[in-house]
C-alpha atoms as a PDB file:
ATOM      1  CA  CYS A   1       0.000   0.000   0.000  1.00  0.00           C
ATOM      2  CA  LEU A   2       1.552   3.271  -1.089  1.00  0.00           C
ATOM      3  CA  ILE A   3       1.070   6.171   1.312  1.00  0.00           C
ATOM      4  CA  CYS A   4       2.250   9.747   1.206  1.00  0.00           C
ATOM      5  CA  GLY A   5       1.657  12.811   3.303  1.00  0.00           C
ATOM      6  CA  ASP A   6       3.223  15.707   5.117  1.00  0.00           C
ATOM      7  CA  ASP A   7       1.993  14.658   8.578  1.00  0.00           C
ATOM      8  CA  LYS A   8       4.364  12.064  10.067  1.00  0.00           C
ATOM      9  CA  GLU A   9       1.993  11.404  12.987  1.00  0.00           C
ATOM     10  CA  ALA A  10      -0.889  10.645  10.629  1.00  0.00           C
ATOM     11  CA  LYS A  11       1.247   8.215   8.630  1.00  0.00           C
ATOM     12  CA  ALA A  12       2.378   6.562  11.858  1.00  0.00           C
ATOM     13  CA  LEU A  13      -1.285   6.183  12.859  1.00  0.00           C
ATOM     14  CA  VAL A  14      -2.507   4.573   9.627  1.00  0.00           C
ATOM     15  CA  THR A  15       0.512   2.338   8.995  1.00  0.00           C
ATOM     16  CA  PRO A  16      -0.313  -0.311  11.641  1.00  0.00           C
ATOM     17  CA  LEU A  17      -3.963  -0.333  10.530  1.00  0.00           C
ATOM     18  CA  ILE A  18      -3.002  -1.021   6.921  1.00  0.00           C
ATOM     19  CA  GLU A  19      -0.490  -3.688   7.935  1.00  0.00           C
ATOM     20  CA  LYS A  20      -3.280  -5.626   9.699  1.00  0.00           C
ATOM     21  CA  VAL A  21      -4.677  -6.455   6.257  1.00  0.00           C
ATOM     22  CA  PRO A  22      -3.171  -9.787   5.153  1.00  0.00           C
ATOM     23  CA  GLY A  23      -0.809  -9.394   2.225  1.00  0.00           C
ATOM     24  CA  LEU A  24      -0.443  -5.612   2.476  1.00  0.00           C
ATOM     25  CA  ARG A  25       2.723  -3.757   3.329  1.00  0.00           C
ATOM     26  CA  VAL A  26       3.051  -0.004   3.672  1.00  0.00           C
ATOM     27  CA  ILE A  27       5.503   1.820   1.437  1.00  0.00           C
ATOM     28  CA  ASP A  28       5.956   5.442   2.464  1.00  0.00           C
ATOM     29  CA  CYS A  29       6.344   7.449  -0.729  1.00  0.00           C
ATOM     30  CA  GLY A  30       7.164  10.716   0.994  1.00  0.00           C
ATOM     31  CA  ALA A  31       5.474  14.095   0.743  1.00  0.00           C
ATOM     32  CA  LEU A  32       1.821  14.736  -0.078  1.00  0.00           C
ATOM     33  CA  GLU A  33       2.803  16.306  -3.403  1.00  0.00           C
ATOM     34  CA  ARG A  34       3.416  12.764  -4.701  1.00  0.00           C
ATOM     35  CA  ALA A  35      -0.222  11.762  -4.113  1.00  0.00           C
ATOM     36  CA  SER A  36      -1.325  12.841  -7.591  1.00  0.00           C
ATOM     37  CA  ILE A  37       1.196  10.445  -9.128  1.00  0.00           C
ATOM     38  CA  ILE A  38       0.026   7.549  -6.972  1.00  0.00           C
ATOM     39  CA  GLU A  39      -3.655   8.316  -7.629  1.00  0.00           C
ATOM     40  CA  LYS A  40      -3.089   8.044 -11.391  1.00  0.00           C
ATOM     41  CA  ILE A  41      -2.179   4.380 -10.991  1.00  0.00           C
ATOM     42  CA  THR A  42      -5.810   3.489 -10.149  1.00  0.00           C
ATOM     43  CA  PRO A  43      -7.423   4.307 -13.519  1.00  0.00           C
ATOM     44  CA  LEU A  44      -4.486   2.637 -15.266  1.00  0.00           C
ATOM     45  CA  LEU A  45      -5.086  -0.602 -13.344  1.00  0.00           C
ATOM     46  CA  ILE A  46      -8.855  -0.433 -13.893  1.00  0.00           C
ATOM     47  CA  GLY A  47      -8.329  -0.016 -17.637  1.00  0.00           C
ATOM     48  CA  LEU A  48      -5.822  -2.874 -17.804  1.00  0.00           C
ATOM     49  CA  ASN A  49      -8.117  -5.173 -15.837  1.00  0.00           C
ATOM     50  CA  ILE A  50     -11.111  -4.377 -18.055  1.00  0.00           C
ATOM     51  CA  ARG A  51      -9.128  -4.738 -21.278  1.00  0.00           C
ATOM     52  CA  ASN A  52      -7.630  -8.056 -20.172  1.00  0.00           C
ATOM     53  CA  LYS A  53     -10.794  -9.366 -18.472  1.00  0.00           C
ATOM     54  CA  CYS A  54      -8.935  -9.736 -15.199  1.00  0.00           C
ATOM     55  CA  GLN A  55     -10.360  -8.889 -11.767  1.00  0.00           C
ATOM     56  CA  PHE A  56      -7.270  -8.680  -9.631  1.00  0.00           C
ATOM     57  CA  GLY A  57      -4.407  -7.404 -11.764  1.00  0.00           C
ATOM     58  CA  GLY A  58      -2.092  -5.157  -9.809  1.00  0.00           C
ATOM     59  CA  ILE A  59       1.378  -3.785  -9.357  1.00  0.00           C
ATOM     60  CA  ARG A  60       4.044  -5.282  -7.132  1.00  0.00           C
ATOM     61  CA  ILE A  61       6.979  -3.209  -5.935  1.00  0.00           C
ATOM     62  CA  THR A  62      10.029  -5.279  -5.103  1.00  0.00           C
ATOM     63  CA  GLY A  63      13.513  -4.655  -3.828  1.00  0.00           C
ATOM     64  CA  LEU A  64      12.654  -2.153  -1.091  1.00  0.00           C
ATOM     65  CA  ASP A  65      13.680  -2.703   2.493  1.00  0.00           C
ATOM     66  CA  LYS A  66      10.929  -2.389   5.088  1.00  0.00           C
ATOM     67  CA  GLY A  67      10.568   1.194   6.257  1.00  0.00           C
ATOM     68  CA  ARG A  68      12.377   2.684   3.298  1.00  0.00           C
ATOM     69  CA  VAL A  69      10.928   5.851   1.767  1.00  0.00           C
ATOM     70  CA  CYS A  70      10.578   5.963  -2.042  1.00  0.00           C
END
């Protein structure tokens, strides 16, 4: 799960909640200004899933150590 924001306390609050979901890991992508980039991934994935008749296509980010900021 990619998160970004300018409030470190808010990110610290939501991180353990997200990590309770099986299979999800939080990747902190830094400042809130990056949110627009992350949000553009959603329509891309929806379009790819529709075009390929797939329900659960997604993106996997590999090679990052836990706690590392993008």
